[in-house]
Protein backbone atom coordinates (compact mmCIF):
# COMPACT_ATOMS: atom_id res chain seq x y z
CA UNK A 1 0.00 0.00 0.00
CA UNK A 2 1.42 3.37 -0.95
CA UNK A 3 1.14 6.42 1.26
CA UNK A 4 -1.41 7.94 -1.13
CA UNK A 5 -3.76 4.96 -0.79
CA UNK A 6 -4.09 4.85 3.00
CA UNK A 7 -7.55 4.03 4.27
CA UNK A 8 -8.91 5.95 7.22
CA UNK A 9 -10.39 3.70 9.87
CA UNK A 10 -12.68 4.91 12.61
CA UNK A 11 -15.08 3.44 15.09
CA UNK A 12 -18.79 4.10 14.68
CA UNK A 13 -21.64 3.40 17.06
CA UNK A 14 -23.63 0.49 15.60
CA UNK A 15 -27.38 0.36 15.16
CA UNK A 16 -28.73 -3.08 14.13
CA UNK A 17 -31.95 -3.02 12.11
CA UNK A 18 -34.11 -6.04 11.20
CA UNK A 19 -34.07 -6.74 7.48
CA UNK A 20 -33.33 -3.10 6.57
CA UNK A 21 -30.68 -1.51 4.38
CA UNK A 22 -30.04 2.16 3.65
CA UNK A 23 -29.62 3.86 0.30
CA UNK A 24 -27.84 7.19 -0.35
CA UNK A 25 -30.78 8.93 -2.00
CA UNK A 26 -33.58 7.54 0.18
CA UNK A 27 -34.03 8.85 3.73
CA UNK A 28 -35.17 6.16 6.14
CA UNK A 29 -37.47 7.30 8.96
CA UNK A 30 -36.56 5.71 12.28
CA UNK A 31 -38.50 5.67 15.54
CA UNK A 32 -36.01 5.29 18.38
CA UNK A 33 -37.83 3.77 21.35
CA UNK A 34 -35.20 1.77 23.27
CA UNK A 35 -33.54 3.90 25.94
CA UNK A 36 -29.99 2.71 25.09
CA UNK A 37 -30.43 3.70 21.44
CA UNK A 38 -31.97 7.05 22.37
CA UNK A 39 -28.85 7.79 24.41
CA UNK A 40 -26.66 6.63 21.52
CA UNK A 41 -28.51 8.83 19.02
CA UNK A 42 -28.25 11.87 21.32
CA UNK A 43 -24.49 11.30 21.49
CA UNK A 44 -24.33 10.96 17.69
CA UNK A 45 -26.30 14.19 17.23
CA UNK A 46 -23.71 16.00 19.37
CA UNK A 47 -20.88 14.80 17.11
CA UNK A 48 -20.72 14.30 13.34
CA UNK A 49 -24.19 12.67 13.05
CA UNK A 50 -22.79 9.39 11.66
CA UNK A 51 -23.32 5.81 12.79
CA UNK A 52 -23.05 2.30 11.39
CA UNK A 53 -26.09 0.29 10.38
CA UNK A 54 -25.96 -3.50 10.35
CA UNK A 55 -28.77 -5.72 9.16
CA UNK A 56 -30.04 -8.21 11.74
CA UNK A 57 -31.99 -11.40 11.00
CA UNK A 58 -34.79 -11.36 13.61
CA UNK A 59 -35.60 -15.05 13.14
CA UNK A 60 -32.02 -16.17 13.86
CA UNK A 61 -30.87 -13.25 15.99
CA UNK A 62 -27.71 -12.94 13.91
CA UNK A 63 -26.09 -9.73 12.72
CA UNK A 64 -24.73 -9.44 9.20
CA UNK A 65 -21.01 -8.83 8.71
CA UNK A 66 -21.71 -6.07 6.19
CA UNK A 67 -23.28 -2.69 6.76
CA UNK A 68 -23.09 0.95 5.87
CA UNK A 69 -22.23 4.30 7.33
CA UNK A 70 -25.39 6.32 7.95
CA UNK A 71 -25.89 10.01 8.57
CA UNK A 72 -28.75 11.61 10.50
CA UNK A 73 -30.51 14.11 8.25
CA UNK A 74 -33.27 15.31 10.57
CA UNK A 75 -34.30 14.65 14.13
CA UNK A 76 -37.20 15.34 16.43
CA UNK A 77 -37.90 13.97 19.89
CA UNK A 78 -37.67 10.20 19.20
CA UNK A 79 -37.80 10.22 15.41
CA UNK A 80 -34.92 10.45 12.96
CA UNK A 81 -34.40 10.34 9.23
CA UNK A 82 -31.11 8.77 8.15
CA UNK A 83 -29.50 7.85 4.86
CA UNK A 84 -26.42 6.03 3.65
CA UNK A 85 -23.46 8.39 3.39
CA UNK A 86 -21.82 6.99 0.25
CA UNK A 87 -22.96 5.04 -2.77
CA UNK A 88 -20.56 2.15 -2.09
CA UNK A 89 -20.51 1.72 1.68
CA UNK A 90 -21.25 -1.97 2.06
CA UNK A 91 -17.96 -3.22 3.46
CA UNK A 92 -17.19 -5.93 5.95
CA UNK A 93 -17.52 -4.70 9.52
CA UNK A 94 -15.32 -6.00 12.32
PDB file of N, CA and C in Angstrom:
ATOM      1  N   UNK A   1       0.845  -1.167   0.000  1.00  0.00           N
ATOM      2  CA  UNK A   1       0.000   0.000   0.000  1.00  0.00           C
ATOM      3  C   UNK A   1       0.893   1.232   0.000  1.00  0.00           C
ATOM      4  N   UNK A   2       0.653   2.136  -0.906  1.00  0.00           N
ATOM      5  CA  UNK A   2       1.421   3.368  -0.949  1.00  0.00           C
ATOM      6  C   UNK A   2       0.839   4.379   0.013  1.00  0.00           C
ATOM      7  N   UNK A   3       1.622   5.410   0.309  1.00  0.00           N
ATOM      8  CA  UNK A   3       1.142   6.417   1.259  1.00  0.00           C
ATOM      9  C   UNK A   3      -0.081   7.162   0.737  1.00  0.00           C
ATOM     10  N   UNK A   4      -0.250   7.233  -0.574  1.00  0.00           N
ATOM     11  CA  UNK A   4      -1.408   7.942  -1.129  1.00  0.00           C
ATOM     12  C   UNK A   4      -2.686   7.105  -1.102  1.00  0.00           C
ATOM     13  N   UNK A   5      -2.572   5.808  -0.796  1.00  0.00           N
ATOM     14  CA  UNK A   5      -3.764   4.959  -0.787  1.00  0.00           C
ATOM     15  C   UNK A   5      -4.131   4.473   0.611  1.00  0.00           C
ATOM     16  N   UNK A   6      -3.746   5.220   1.628  1.00  0.00           N
ATOM     17  CA  UNK A   6      -4.092   4.845   2.997  1.00  0.00           C
ATOM     18  C   UNK A   6      -5.595   4.959   3.205  1.00  0.00           C
ATOM     19  N   UNK A   7      -6.119   4.035   3.968  1.00  0.00           N
ATOM     20  CA  UNK A   7      -7.547   4.027   4.270  1.00  0.00           C
ATOM     21  C   UNK A   7      -7.737   4.504   5.702  1.00  0.00           C
ATOM     22  N   UNK A   8      -8.609   5.471   5.872  1.00  0.00           N
ATOM     23  CA  UNK A   8      -8.909   5.955   7.217  1.00  0.00           C
ATOM     24  C   UNK A   8      -9.867   4.979   7.892  1.00  0.00           C
ATOM     25  N   UNK A   9      -9.551   4.610   9.103  1.00  0.00           N
ATOM     26  CA  UNK A   9     -10.390   3.695   9.865  1.00  0.00           C
ATOM     27  C   UNK A   9     -10.871   4.438  11.103  1.00  0.00           C
ATOM     28  N   UNK A  10     -12.141   4.297  11.406  1.00  0.00           N
ATOM     29  CA  UNK A  10     -12.682   4.913  12.614  1.00  0.00           C
ATOM     30  C   UNK A  10     -13.777   4.034  13.179  1.00  0.00           C
ATOM     31  N   UNK A  11     -14.015   4.187  14.437  1.00  0.00           N
ATOM     32  CA  UNK A  11     -15.082   3.437  15.089  1.00  0.00           C
ATOM     33  C   UNK A  11     -16.379   4.224  14.989  1.00  0.00           C
ATOM     34  N   UNK A  12     -17.460   3.496  14.740  1.00  0.00           N
ATOM     35  CA  UNK A  12     -18.793   4.098  14.683  1.00  0.00           C
ATOM     36  C   UNK A  12     -19.703   3.373  15.657  1.00  0.00           C
ATOM     37  N   UNK A  13     -20.613   4.090  16.293  1.00  0.00           N
ATOM     38  CA  UNK A  13     -21.644   3.395  17.064  1.00  0.00           C
ATOM     39  C   UNK A  13     -22.486   2.571  16.096  1.00  0.00           C
ATOM     40  N   UNK A  14     -22.885   1.376  16.494  1.00  0.00           N
ATOM     41  CA  UNK A  14     -23.628   0.491  15.597  1.00  0.00           C
ATOM     42  C   UNK A  14     -25.093   0.401  15.991  1.00  0.00           C
ATOM     43  N   UNK A  15     -25.937   0.431  14.970  1.00  0.00           N
ATOM     44  CA  UNK A  15     -27.381   0.355  15.158  1.00  0.00           C
ATOM     45  C   UNK A  15     -27.896  -0.796  14.305  1.00  0.00           C
ATOM     46  N   UNK A  16     -28.210  -1.953  14.913  1.00  0.00           N
ATOM     47  CA  UNK A  16     -28.729  -3.082  14.133  1.00  0.00           C
ATOM     48  C   UNK A  16     -30.200  -2.872  13.790  1.00  0.00           C
ATOM     49  N   UNK A  17     -30.557  -3.157  12.563  1.00  0.00           N
ATOM     50  CA  UNK A  17     -31.946  -3.022  12.113  1.00  0.00           C
ATOM     51  C   UNK A  17     -32.404  -4.324  11.474  1.00  0.00           C
ATOM     52  N   UNK A  18     -33.621  -4.781  11.776  1.00  0.00           N
ATOM     53  CA  UNK A  18     -34.115  -6.037  11.203  1.00  0.00           C
ATOM     54  C   UNK A  18     -34.473  -5.883   9.729  1.00  0.00           C
ATOM     55  N   UNK A  19     -33.765  -6.651   8.905  1.00  0.00           N
ATOM     56  CA  UNK A  19     -34.072  -6.738   7.475  1.00  0.00           C
ATOM     57  C   UNK A  19     -34.199  -5.379   6.804  1.00  0.00           C
ATOM     58  N   UNK A  20     -33.292  -4.454   7.135  1.00  0.00           N
ATOM     59  CA  UNK A  20     -33.328  -3.099   6.570  1.00  0.00           C
ATOM     60  C   UNK A  20     -31.946  -2.742   6.046  1.00  0.00           C
ATOM     61  N   UNK A  21     -31.915  -2.095   4.894  1.00  0.00           N
ATOM     62  CA  UNK A  21     -30.681  -1.508   4.376  1.00  0.00           C
ATOM     63  C   UNK A  21     -30.959  -0.049   4.041  1.00  0.00           C
ATOM     64  N   UNK A  22     -29.907   0.738   3.973  1.00  0.00           N
ATOM     65  CA  UNK A  22     -30.041   2.159   3.654  1.00  0.00           C
ATOM     66  C   UNK A  22     -29.512   2.430   2.258  1.00  0.00           C
ATOM     67  N   UNK A  23     -30.070   3.432   1.613  1.00  0.00           N
ATOM     68  CA  UNK A  23     -29.623   3.865   0.305  1.00  0.00           C
ATOM     69  C   UNK A  23     -29.264   5.346   0.372  1.00  0.00           C
ATOM     70  N   UNK A  24     -28.293   5.802  -0.439  1.00  0.00           N
ATOM     71  CA  UNK A  24     -27.837   7.190  -0.349  1.00  0.00           C
ATOM     72  C   UNK A  24     -28.899   8.231  -0.689  1.00  0.00           C
ATOM     73  N   UNK A  25     -29.810   7.920  -1.572  1.00  0.00           N
ATOM     74  CA  UNK A  25     -30.781   8.931  -2.001  1.00  0.00           C
ATOM     75  C   UNK A  25     -32.140   8.783  -1.340  1.00  0.00           C
ATOM     76  N   UNK A  26     -32.291   7.816  -0.461  1.00  0.00           N
ATOM     77  CA  UNK A  26     -33.584   7.539   0.183  1.00  0.00           C
ATOM     78  C   UNK A  26     -33.486   7.680   1.698  1.00  0.00           C
ATOM     79  N   UNK A  27     -34.014   8.750   2.264  1.00  0.00           N
ATOM     80  CA  UNK A  27     -34.025   8.846   3.731  1.00  0.00           C
ATOM     81  C   UNK A  27     -34.887   7.737   4.334  1.00  0.00           C
ATOM     82  N   UNK A  28     -34.436   7.202   5.439  1.00  0.00           N
ATOM     83  CA  UNK A  28     -35.169   6.157   6.142  1.00  0.00           C
ATOM     84  C   UNK A  28     -35.652   6.722   7.470  1.00  0.00           C
ATOM     85  N   UNK A  29     -36.972   6.818   7.663  1.00  0.00           N
ATOM     86  CA  UNK A  29     -37.466   7.299   8.955  1.00  0.00           C
ATOM     87  C   UNK A  29     -37.281   6.225  10.024  1.00  0.00           C
ATOM     88  N   UNK A  30     -36.795   6.630  11.172  1.00  0.00           N
ATOM     89  CA  UNK A  30     -36.563   5.706  12.282  1.00  0.00           C
ATOM     90  C   UNK A  30     -37.257   6.225  13.533  1.00  0.00           C
ATOM     91  N   UNK A  31     -37.922   5.334  14.234  1.00  0.00           N
ATOM     92  CA  UNK A  31     -38.504   5.666  15.539  1.00  0.00           C
ATOM     93  C   UNK A  31     -37.618   5.002  16.587  1.00  0.00           C
ATOM     94  N   UNK A  32     -36.936   5.804  17.377  1.00  0.00           N
ATOM     95  CA  UNK A  32     -36.007   5.287  18.377  1.00  0.00           C
ATOM     96  C   UNK A  32     -36.752   5.184  19.701  1.00  0.00           C
ATOM     97  N   UNK A  33     -37.031   3.949  20.136  1.00  0.00           N
ATOM     98  CA  UNK A  33     -37.828   3.774  21.353  1.00  0.00           C
ATOM     99  C   UNK A  33     -37.049   3.137  22.500  1.00  0.00           C
ATOM    100  N   UNK A  34     -35.989   2.374  22.194  1.00  0.00           N
ATOM    101  CA  UNK A  34     -35.199   1.769  23.272  1.00  0.00           C
ATOM    102  C   UNK A  34     -34.289   2.826  23.886  1.00  0.00           C
ATOM    103  N   UNK A  35     -34.283   2.871  25.214  1.00  0.00           N
ATOM    104  CA  UNK A  35     -33.540   3.895  25.937  1.00  0.00           C
ATOM    105  C   UNK A  35     -32.065   3.929  25.540  1.00  0.00           C
ATOM    106  N   UNK A  36     -31.425   2.749  25.425  1.00  0.00           N
ATOM    107  CA  UNK A  36     -29.993   2.713  25.095  1.00  0.00           C
ATOM    108  C   UNK A  36     -29.716   3.318  23.726  1.00  0.00           C
ATOM    109  N   UNK A  37     -30.631   3.126  22.767  1.00  0.00           N
ATOM    110  CA  UNK A  37     -30.432   3.700  21.438  1.00  0.00           C
ATOM    111  C   UNK A  37     -30.778   5.186  21.415  1.00  0.00           C
ATOM    112  N   UNK A  38     -31.690   5.618  22.260  1.00  0.00           N
ATOM    113  CA  UNK A  38     -31.973   7.053  22.371  1.00  0.00           C
ATOM    114  C   UNK A  38     -30.746   7.790  22.908  1.00  0.00           C
ATOM    115  N   UNK A  39     -30.082   7.194  23.893  1.00  0.00           N
ATOM    116  CA  UNK A  39     -28.848   7.791  24.414  1.00  0.00           C
ATOM    117  C   UNK A  39     -27.782   7.823  23.319  1.00  0.00           C
ATOM    118  N   UNK A  40     -27.644   6.707  22.588  1.00  0.00           N
ATOM    119  CA  UNK A  40     -26.661   6.631  21.516  1.00  0.00           C
ATOM    120  C   UNK A  40     -26.929   7.697  20.456  1.00  0.00           C
ATOM    121  N   UNK A  41     -28.186   7.853  20.046  1.00  0.00           N
ATOM    122  CA  UNK A  41     -28.514   8.834  19.017  1.00  0.00           C
ATOM    123  C   UNK A  41     -28.276  10.263  19.508  1.00  0.00           C
ATOM    124  N   UNK A  42     -28.547  10.538  20.772  1.00  0.00           N
ATOM    125  CA  UNK A  42     -28.250  11.869  21.318  1.00  0.00           C
ATOM    126  C   UNK A  42     -26.755  12.155  21.257  1.00  0.00           C
ATOM    127  N   UNK A  43     -25.945  11.153  21.570  1.00  0.00           N
ATOM    128  CA  UNK A  43     -24.491  11.304  21.488  1.00  0.00           C
ATOM    129  C   UNK A  43     -24.062  11.544  20.045  1.00  0.00           C
ATOM    130  N   UNK A  44     -24.651  10.812  19.113  1.00  0.00           N
ATOM    131  CA  UNK A  44     -24.330  10.964  17.691  1.00  0.00           C
ATOM    132  C   UNK A  44     -24.710  12.360  17.206  1.00  0.00           C
ATOM    133  N   UNK A  45     -25.861  12.854  17.635  1.00  0.00           N
ATOM    134  CA  UNK A  45     -26.302  14.193  17.230  1.00  0.00           C
ATOM    135  C   UNK A  45     -25.358  15.280  17.730  1.00  0.00           C
ATOM    136  N   UNK A  46     -24.661  15.024  18.825  1.00  0.00           N
ATOM    137  CA  UNK A  46     -23.712  15.999  19.366  1.00  0.00           C
ATOM    138  C   UNK A  46     -22.356  15.932  18.673  1.00  0.00           C
ATOM    139  N   UNK A  47     -22.148  14.920  17.828  1.00  0.00           N
ATOM    140  CA  UNK A  47     -20.875  14.801  17.114  1.00  0.00           C
ATOM    141  C   UNK A  47     -21.098  15.016  15.618  1.00  0.00           C
ATOM    142  N   UNK A  48     -20.628  14.104  14.792  1.00  0.00           N
ATOM    143  CA  UNK A  48     -20.719  14.299  13.336  1.00  0.00           C
ATOM    144  C   UNK A  48     -21.960  13.682  12.700  1.00  0.00           C
ATOM    145  N   UNK A  49     -22.907  13.197  13.505  1.00  0.00           N
ATOM    146  CA  UNK A  49     -24.194  12.675  13.049  1.00  0.00           C
ATOM    147  C   UNK A  49     -24.086  11.363  12.266  1.00  0.00           C
ATOM    148  N   UNK A  50     -22.977  10.642  12.407  1.00  0.00           N
ATOM    149  CA  UNK A  50     -22.792   9.389  11.659  1.00  0.00           C
ATOM    150  C   UNK A  50     -22.767   8.180  12.580  1.00  0.00           C
ATOM    151  N   UNK A  51     -23.305   7.068  12.052  1.00  0.00           N
ATOM    152  CA  UNK A  51     -23.324   5.811  12.793  1.00  0.00           C
ATOM    153  C   UNK A  51     -23.356   4.663  11.798  1.00  0.00           C
ATOM    154  N   UNK A  52     -23.021   3.478  12.251  1.00  0.00           N
ATOM    155  CA  UNK A  52     -23.046   2.303  11.393  1.00  0.00           C
ATOM    156  C   UNK A  52     -24.370   1.572  11.514  1.00  0.00           C
ATOM    157  N   UNK A  53     -24.857   1.079  10.394  1.00  0.00           N
ATOM    158  CA  UNK A  53     -26.093   0.291  10.377  1.00  0.00           C
ATOM    159  C   UNK A  53     -25.748  -1.114   9.901  1.00  0.00           C
ATOM    160  N   UNK A  54     -26.141  -2.092  10.700  1.00  0.00           N
ATOM    161  CA  UNK A  54     -25.955  -3.499  10.350  1.00  0.00           C
ATOM    162  C   UNK A  54     -27.315  -4.166  10.287  1.00  0.00           C
ATOM    163  N   UNK A  55     -27.507  -5.006   9.279  1.00  0.00           N
ATOM    164  CA  UNK A  55     -28.771  -5.720   9.163  1.00  0.00           C
ATOM    165  C   UNK A  55     -28.772  -6.907  10.120  1.00  0.00           C
ATOM    166  N   UNK A  56     -29.887  -7.098  10.809  1.00  0.00           N
ATOM    167  CA  UNK A  56     -30.043  -8.215  11.738  1.00  0.00           C
ATOM    168  C   UNK A  56     -31.162  -9.121  11.224  1.00  0.00           C
ATOM    169  N   UNK A  57     -30.956 -10.425  11.357  1.00  0.00           N
ATOM    170  CA  UNK A  57     -31.989 -11.395  10.999  1.00  0.00           C
ATOM    171  C   UNK A  57     -32.784 -11.692  12.268  1.00  0.00           C
ATOM    172  N   UNK A  58     -34.027 -11.188  12.373  1.00  0.00           N
ATOM    173  CA  UNK A  58     -34.786 -11.357  13.611  1.00  0.00           C
ATOM    174  C   UNK A  58     -35.164 -12.806  13.912  1.00  0.00           C
ATOM    175  N   UNK A  59     -35.239 -13.653  12.895  1.00  0.00           N
ATOM    176  CA  UNK A  59     -35.597 -15.052  13.144  1.00  0.00           C
ATOM    177  C   UNK A  59     -34.435 -15.833  13.746  1.00  0.00           C
ATOM    178  N   UNK A  60     -33.208 -15.474  13.360  1.00  0.00           N
ATOM    179  CA  UNK A  60     -32.024 -16.168  13.862  1.00  0.00           C
ATOM    180  C   UNK A  60     -31.308 -15.381  14.956  1.00  0.00           C
ATOM    181  N   UNK A  61     -31.568 -14.083  15.021  1.00  0.00           N
ATOM    182  CA  UNK A  61     -30.872 -13.245  15.994  1.00  0.00           C
ATOM    183  C   UNK A  61     -29.425 -12.978  15.629  1.00  0.00           C
ATOM    184  N   UNK A  62     -29.087 -13.157  14.354  1.00  0.00           N
ATOM    185  CA  UNK A  62     -27.713 -12.941  13.911  1.00  0.00           C
ATOM    186  C   UNK A  62     -27.578 -11.580  13.237  1.00  0.00           C
ATOM    187  N   UNK A  63     -26.384 -11.028  13.339  1.00  0.00           N
ATOM    188  CA  UNK A  63     -26.091  -9.735  12.724  1.00  0.00           C
ATOM    189  C   UNK A  63     -25.209  -9.978  11.515  1.00  0.00           C
ATOM    190  N   UNK A  64     -25.507  -9.302  10.423  1.00  0.00           N
ATOM    191  CA  UNK A  64     -24.727  -9.442   9.196  1.00  0.00           C
ATOM    192  C   UNK A  64     -23.328  -8.871   9.398  1.00  0.00           C
ATOM    193  N   UNK A  65     -22.368  -9.356   8.616  1.00  0.00           N
ATOM    194  CA  UNK A  65     -21.010  -8.826   8.711  1.00  0.00           C
ATOM    195  C   UNK A  65     -20.758  -7.728   7.686  1.00  0.00           C
ATOM    196  N   UNK A  66     -21.818  -7.228   7.073  1.00  0.00           N
ATOM    197  CA  UNK A  66     -21.713  -6.068   6.191  1.00  0.00           C
ATOM    198  C   UNK A  66     -22.701  -5.013   6.665  1.00  0.00           C
ATOM    199  N   UNK A  67     -22.395  -3.779   6.353  1.00  0.00           N
ATOM    200  CA  UNK A  67     -23.280  -2.694   6.756  1.00  0.00           C
ATOM    201  C   UNK A  67     -22.913  -1.429   6.016  1.00  0.00           C
ATOM    202  N   UNK A  68     -23.402  -0.322   6.510  1.00  0.00           N
ATOM    203  CA  UNK A  68     -23.091   0.945   5.870  1.00  0.00           C
ATOM    204  C   UNK A  68     -22.970   2.044   6.913  1.00  0.00           C
ATOM    205  N   UNK A  69     -22.350   3.116   6.495  1.00  0.00           N
ATOM    206  CA  UNK A  69     -22.226   4.298   7.331  1.00  0.00           C
ATOM    207  C   UNK A  69     -23.442   5.167   7.049  1.00  0.00           C
ATOM    208  N   UNK A  70     -24.176   5.517   8.100  1.00  0.00           N
ATOM    209  CA  UNK A  70     -25.390   6.322   7.955  1.00  0.00           C
ATOM    210  C   UNK A  70     -25.169   7.699   8.556  1.00  0.00           C
ATOM    211  N   UNK A  71     -25.958   8.638   8.086  1.00  0.00           N
ATOM    212  CA  UNK A  71     -25.893  10.011   8.575  1.00  0.00           C
ATOM    213  C   UNK A  71     -27.296  10.465   8.936  1.00  0.00           C
ATOM    214  N   UNK A  72     -27.445  11.082  10.097  1.00  0.00           N
ATOM    215  CA  UNK A  72     -28.747  11.610  10.505  1.00  0.00           C
ATOM    216  C   UNK A  72     -29.010  12.893   9.729  1.00  0.00           C
ATOM    217  N   UNK A  73     -30.129  12.930   9.020  1.00  0.00           N
ATOM    218  CA  UNK A  73     -30.510  14.111   8.247  1.00  0.00           C
ATOM    219  C   UNK A  73     -31.366  15.061   9.075  1.00  0.00           C
ATOM    220  N   UNK A  74     -32.375  14.511   9.742  1.00  0.00           N
ATOM    221  CA  UNK A  74     -33.274  15.312  10.570  1.00  0.00           C
ATOM    222  C   UNK A  74     -33.558  14.557  11.858  1.00  0.00           C
ATOM    223  N   UNK A  75     -33.938  15.303  12.876  1.00  0.00           N
ATOM    224  CA  UNK A  75     -34.301  14.646  14.130  1.00  0.00           C
ATOM    225  C   UNK A  75     -35.335  15.472  14.878  1.00  0.00           C
ATOM    226  N   UNK A  76     -36.261  14.764  15.488  1.00  0.00           N
ATOM    227  CA  UNK A  76     -37.203  15.344  16.430  1.00  0.00           C
ATOM    228  C   UNK A  76     -37.154  14.449  17.656  1.00  0.00           C
ATOM    229  N   UNK A  77     -37.995  14.636  18.586  1.00  0.00           N
ATOM    230  CA  UNK A  77     -37.904  13.974  19.894  1.00  0.00           C
ATOM    231  C   UNK A  77     -37.377  12.534  19.829  1.00  0.00           C
ATOM    232  N   UNK A  78     -38.111  11.600  19.304  1.00  0.00           N
ATOM    233  CA  UNK A  78     -37.668  10.201  19.202  1.00  0.00           C
ATOM    234  C   UNK A  78     -37.694   9.694  17.768  1.00  0.00           C
ATOM    235  N   UNK A  79     -37.740  10.604  16.815  1.00  0.00           N
ATOM    236  CA  UNK A  79     -37.800  10.220  15.410  1.00  0.00           C
ATOM    237  C   UNK A  79     -36.615  10.823  14.660  1.00  0.00           C
ATOM    238  N   UNK A  80     -36.044  10.020  13.771  1.00  0.00           N
ATOM    239  CA  UNK A  80     -34.916  10.449  12.956  1.00  0.00           C
ATOM    240  C   UNK A  80     -35.175  10.091  11.508  1.00  0.00           C
ATOM    241  N   UNK A  81     -34.482  10.772  10.624  1.00  0.00           N
ATOM    242  CA  UNK A  81     -34.396  10.345   9.234  1.00  0.00           C
ATOM    243  C   UNK A  81     -32.914  10.204   8.946  1.00  0.00           C
ATOM    244  N   UNK A  82     -32.514   9.041   8.433  1.00  0.00           N
ATOM    245  CA  UNK A  82     -31.107   8.774   8.153  1.00  0.00           C
ATOM    246  C   UNK A  82     -30.977   8.249   6.737  1.00  0.00           C
ATOM    247  N   UNK A  83     -29.776   8.394   6.192  1.00  0.00           N
ATOM    248  CA  UNK A  83     -29.503   7.850   4.859  1.00  0.00           C
ATOM    249  C   UNK A  83     -28.078   7.348   4.825  1.00  0.00           C
ATOM    250  N   UNK A  84     -27.781   6.512   3.852  1.00  0.00           N
ATOM    251  CA  UNK A  84     -26.422   6.031   3.649  1.00  0.00           C
ATOM    252  C   UNK A  84     -25.561   7.205   3.203  1.00  0.00           C
ATOM    253  N   UNK A  85     -24.328   7.258   3.682  1.00  0.00           N
ATOM    254  CA  UNK A  85     -23.455   8.387   3.386  1.00  0.00           C
ATOM    255  C   UNK A  85     -22.891   8.316   1.977  1.00  0.00           C
ATOM    256  N   UNK A  86     -22.450   7.140   1.558  1.00  0.00           N
ATOM    257  CA  UNK A  86     -21.820   6.990   0.249  1.00  0.00           C
ATOM    258  C   UNK A  86     -22.552   5.957  -0.586  1.00  0.00           C
ATOM    259  N   UNK A  87     -22.311   6.004  -1.877  1.00  0.00           N
ATOM    260  CA  UNK A  87     -22.963   5.041  -2.765  1.00  0.00           C
ATOM    261  C   UNK A  87     -22.439   3.630  -2.560  1.00  0.00           C
ATOM    262  N   UNK A  88     -21.172   3.480  -2.232  1.00  0.00           N
ATOM    263  CA  UNK A  88     -20.564   2.153  -2.093  1.00  0.00           C
ATOM    264  C   UNK A  88     -20.038   1.988  -0.675  1.00  0.00           C
ATOM    265  N   UNK A  89     -20.945   1.799   0.286  1.00  0.00           N
ATOM    266  CA  UNK A  89     -20.509   1.723   1.676  1.00  0.00           C
ATOM    267  C   UNK A  89     -20.710   0.348   2.287  1.00  0.00           C
ATOM    268  N   UNK A  90     -21.053  -0.635   1.503  1.00  0.00           N
ATOM    269  CA  UNK A  90     -21.246  -1.969   2.059  1.00  0.00           C
ATOM    270  C   UNK A  90     -19.910  -2.692   2.109  1.00  0.00           C
ATOM    271  N   UNK A  91     -19.250  -2.577   3.234  1.00  0.00           N
ATOM    272  CA  UNK A  91     -17.964  -3.219   3.463  1.00  0.00           C
ATOM    273  C   UNK A  91     -18.066  -4.095   4.693  1.00  0.00           C
ATOM    274  N   UNK A  92     -17.169  -5.039   4.783  1.00  0.00           N
ATOM    275  CA  UNK A  92     -17.192  -5.929   5.947  1.00  0.00           C
ATOM    276  C   UNK A  92     -16.885  -5.142   7.211  1.00  0.00           C
ATOM    277  N   UNK A  93     -17.696  -5.375   8.239  1.00  0.00           N
ATOM    278  CA  UNK A  93     -17.521  -4.701   9.519  1.00  0.00           C
ATOM    279  C   UNK A  93     -16.837  -5.665  10.468  1.00  0.00           C
ATOM    280  N   UNK A  94     -15.991  -5.159  11.321  1.00  0.00           N
ATOM    281  CA  UNK A  94     -15.324  -5.998  12.321  1.00  0.00           C
ATOM    282  C   UNK A  94     -15.826  -5.647  13.691  1.00  0.00           C
TER     283      UNK A  94
END
